[in-house]
Structures are given as C-alpha cells and as structure tokens.
Protein backbone atom coordinates (compact mmCIF):
# COMPACT_ATOMS: atom_id res chain seq x y z
CA UNK A 1 -0.05 0.24 -0.02
CA UNK A 2 1.39 3.46 -0.78
CA UNK A 3 2.57 5.06 2.30
CA UNK A 4 1.27 8.39 1.19
CA UNK A 5 -2.06 7.23 0.98
CA UNK A 6 -2.02 5.58 4.16
CA UNK A 7 -0.93 8.89 5.96
CA UNK A 8 -3.61 10.68 3.87
CA UNK A 9 -6.05 8.14 5.00
CA UNK A 10 -4.98 8.64 8.66
CA UNK A 11 -5.47 12.34 8.24
CA UNK A 12 -8.99 12.15 6.74
CA UNK A 13 -10.09 9.80 9.63
CA UNK A 14 -8.72 11.98 12.29
CA UNK A 15 -10.59 15.02 10.43
CA UNK A 16 -13.93 13.01 10.90
CA UNK A 17 -13.25 12.01 14.53
CA UNK A 18 -12.27 15.66 15.64
CA UNK A 19 -15.17 15.92 18.15
CA UNK A 20 -14.58 12.36 19.39
CA UNK A 21 -11.73 10.19 20.33
CA UNK A 22 -13.46 6.99 20.75
CA UNK A 23 -12.46 3.86 18.72
CA UNK A 24 -15.87 3.26 17.38
CA UNK A 25 -16.03 6.72 16.11
CA UNK A 26 -12.89 6.02 14.23
CA UNK A 27 -14.19 2.99 12.61
CA UNK A 28 -17.26 4.99 11.57
CA UNK A 29 -15.05 7.79 10.26
CA UNK A 30 -13.39 5.29 7.87
CA UNK A 31 -16.91 4.46 6.47
CA UNK A 32 -17.56 8.42 6.30
CA UNK A 33 -14.26 9.02 4.31
CA UNK A 34 -15.14 6.30 1.79
CA UNK A 35 -18.80 7.90 1.57
CA UNK A 36 -17.61 11.45 0.94
CA UNK A 37 -15.06 10.19 -1.89
CA UNK A 38 -17.61 8.26 -3.33
CA UNK A 39 -19.91 11.41 -3.69
CA UNK A 40 -17.00 13.18 -5.48
CA UNK A 41 -16.18 10.04 -7.56
CA UNK A 42 -19.81 9.64 -8.93
CA UNK A 43 -19.47 13.06 -10.46
CA UNK A 44 -16.27 11.97 -12.20
CA UNK A 45 -16.91 8.29 -13.25
CA UNK A 46 -20.50 7.78 -12.56
CA UNK A 47 -22.04 5.33 -10.36
CA UNK A 48 -20.94 2.01 -12.18
CA UNK A 49 -17.25 3.34 -11.99
CA UNK A 50 -17.70 4.02 -8.40
CA UNK A 51 -19.24 0.61 -7.63
CA UNK A 52 -16.37 -1.09 -9.71
CA UNK A 53 -13.64 0.82 -7.69
CA UNK A 54 -15.28 -0.07 -4.32
CA UNK A 55 -15.60 -3.70 -5.27
CA UNK A 56 -12.08 -3.69 -6.27
CA UNK A 57 -11.05 -2.18 -3.06
CA UNK A 58 -12.73 -4.68 -1.32
CA UNK A 59 -11.44 -7.59 -3.25
CA UNK A 60 -7.78 -6.38 -2.75
CA UNK A 61 -8.39 -6.26 1.11
CA UNK A 62 -9.86 -9.76 1.04
CA UNK A 63 -7.11 -10.95 -1.22
CA UNK A 64 -4.33 -9.58 0.90
CA UNK A 65 -6.22 -11.09 4.01
CA UNK A 66 -6.07 -7.64 5.63
CA UNK A 67 -9.71 -7.98 6.69
CA UNK A 68 -12.60 -10.21 6.12
CA UNK A 69 -14.74 -7.52 4.41
CA UNK A 70 -17.85 -9.83 4.45
CA UNK A 71 -19.22 -7.30 6.86
CA UNK A 72 -19.27 -4.68 4.18
CA UNK A 73 -21.95 -4.57 1.36
CA UNK A 74 -21.86 -2.10 -1.74
CA UNK A 75 -25.19 -1.01 -2.45
CA UNK A 76 -26.39 -0.28 -6.24
CA UNK A 77 -25.63 3.31 -5.64
CA UNK A 78 -22.01 2.61 -4.58
CA UNK A 79 -22.61 3.45 -0.98
CA UNK A 80 -21.21 1.24 1.69
CA UNK A 81 -23.29 -0.47 4.15
CA UNK A 82 -22.14 -2.63 7.29
CA UNK A 83 -23.74 -5.97 7.19
CA UNK A 84 -24.61 -7.92 10.14
CA UNK A 85 -23.24 -11.17 8.74
CA UNK A 86 -19.92 -11.61 9.66
CA UNK A 87 -18.04 -14.67 7.84
CA UNK A 88 -15.39 -15.47 10.05
CA UNK A 89 -14.07 -14.75 13.67
CA UNK A 90 -11.49 -12.27 12.60
CA UNK A 91 -14.00 -10.04 10.28
CA UNK A 92 -14.88 -7.45 12.65
CA UNK A 93 -11.91 -7.36 14.64
CA UNK A 94 -9.36 -6.52 11.59
CA UNK A 95 -11.71 -3.21 10.88
CA UNK A 96 -11.48 -2.33 14.26
CA UNK A 97 -7.55 -2.70 14.85
CA UNK A 98 -6.94 -0.44 11.81
CA UNK A 99 -9.96 1.67 10.87
CA UNK A 100 -8.03 3.43 8.07
CA UNK A 101 -7.36 0.28 5.86
CA UNK A 102 -10.60 0.73 3.96
CA UNK A 103 -10.22 4.32 3.07
CA UNK A 104 -6.26 3.89 2.39
CA UNK A 105 -7.00 0.84 0.00
CA UNK A 106 -9.63 2.98 -1.81
CA UNK A 107 -6.95 5.78 -2.14
CA UNK A 108 -4.39 3.62 -2.98
CA UNK A 109 -6.47 2.05 -5.92
CA UNK A 110 -7.66 5.60 -7.26
CA UNK A 111 -3.99 6.70 -7.20
CA UNK A 112 -3.30 3.46 -9.36
CA UNK A 113 -6.05 4.53 -11.71
CA UNK A 114 -5.70 8.15 -12.10
CA UNK A 115 -2.30 9.22 -10.39
CA UNK A 116 -1.17 10.75 -7.11
CA UNK A 117 -1.51 14.34 -8.28
CA UNK A 118 -5.33 14.06 -9.34
CA UNK A 119 -6.13 11.83 -6.32
CA UNK A 120 -4.76 14.46 -3.83
CA UNK A 121 -6.60 17.17 -5.69
CA UNK A 122 -9.89 15.31 -5.46
CA UNK A 123 -9.21 14.69 -1.64
CA UNK A 124 -8.59 18.64 -1.38
CA UNK A 125 -11.78 19.29 -2.83
CA UNK A 126 -13.60 17.03 -0.41
CA UNK A 127 -11.75 18.13 2.65
CA UNK A 128 -10.34 21.79 2.02
CA UNK A 129 -9.62 21.97 5.77
CA UNK A 130 -7.28 19.28 5.67
CA UNK A 131 -3.74 20.04 5.40
CA UNK A 132 -2.31 18.68 2.00
CA UNK A 133 0.55 20.96 1.27
CA UNK A 134 3.12 18.23 2.26
CA UNK A 135 1.26 15.49 0.08
CA UNK A 136 1.34 17.79 -3.04
CA UNK A 137 5.21 18.60 -2.38
CA UNK A 138 5.68 14.88 -2.14
CA UNK A 139 3.86 14.30 -5.31
CA UNK A 140 5.68 16.91 -7.05
CA UNK A 141 9.12 15.92 -5.91
CA UNK A 142 8.15 12.22 -7.32
CA UNK A 143 7.03 13.80 -10.83
CA UNK A 144 10.26 15.88 -10.99
CA UNK A 145 12.52 12.92 -10.40
CA UNK A 146 11.03 10.97 -13.39
C-alpha cells in the first residue's frame, strides 16, 4: 500500500473524528471518508465506475487477508453498508484494529487509476480544511524525479 495514501487516510479519519476520540467513532469515520469520496467520484466516473472501484477495493483487501470484509456490502448506488452477517471470527476485529485500512486501500487504488496528483486534488476538494501541502510537495518531488 502506498505510504502516502496511508498517511492521507489517517489524516482524513482524524478529520472526521475531531469531535470524538472513541475507537468506534474512528471506525465510523473510515466509512464516512469512503462515503464522501464516493460522492465526489460519482461526479467524475458515474455510479458504475464507483461501484467497480469499491468492489475492487474490497477484493484487494480480502486477497491480502487484511480484513475479511464480509461485513461490508456495496449498494447499487455505490454507498457502503455494514452488514450484520460476519463470515469468520476475525472479520470485525481487523476493521476495529485499523479503521483506516478501507479508505487507505480506496485511495491507493484511486492513485493507481488516476495518479497521485489528481487523487490528492480530489481529496482537497472534499476536505479543504485538511492540510495537504506536504502531500502535494511529495507528489511534485516524485514527478520531478522522473
């Protein structure tokens, strides 16, 4: 996973939990980050494009055995739903251990598809209050090195 996107996902989850420091609110914040991104991405790629992106995100996390995301359903409109059915004993615990893995994987896949510069710009549109100057600088340095 791209370390910059992991760092960015942590910032976004922190931004969404600024009023509460409970672990449960961080888990919900991970879903909120994905939902806010989904709303912006629907404008750019349509509902089917967002559904494909989210499906692939979940598949990659399942493949890496990072989390059994059987607890997540993707609705027809591309929004995420936490399912009540848990496939295995570790499904819920993995998300609770690291609530940023879902948005980090989504951002990582987005970078693969559209590049880090555009991904960071999209994030800046959705979260103008989140400090992204160092992210943009990191991207600029990478592109200058090519």
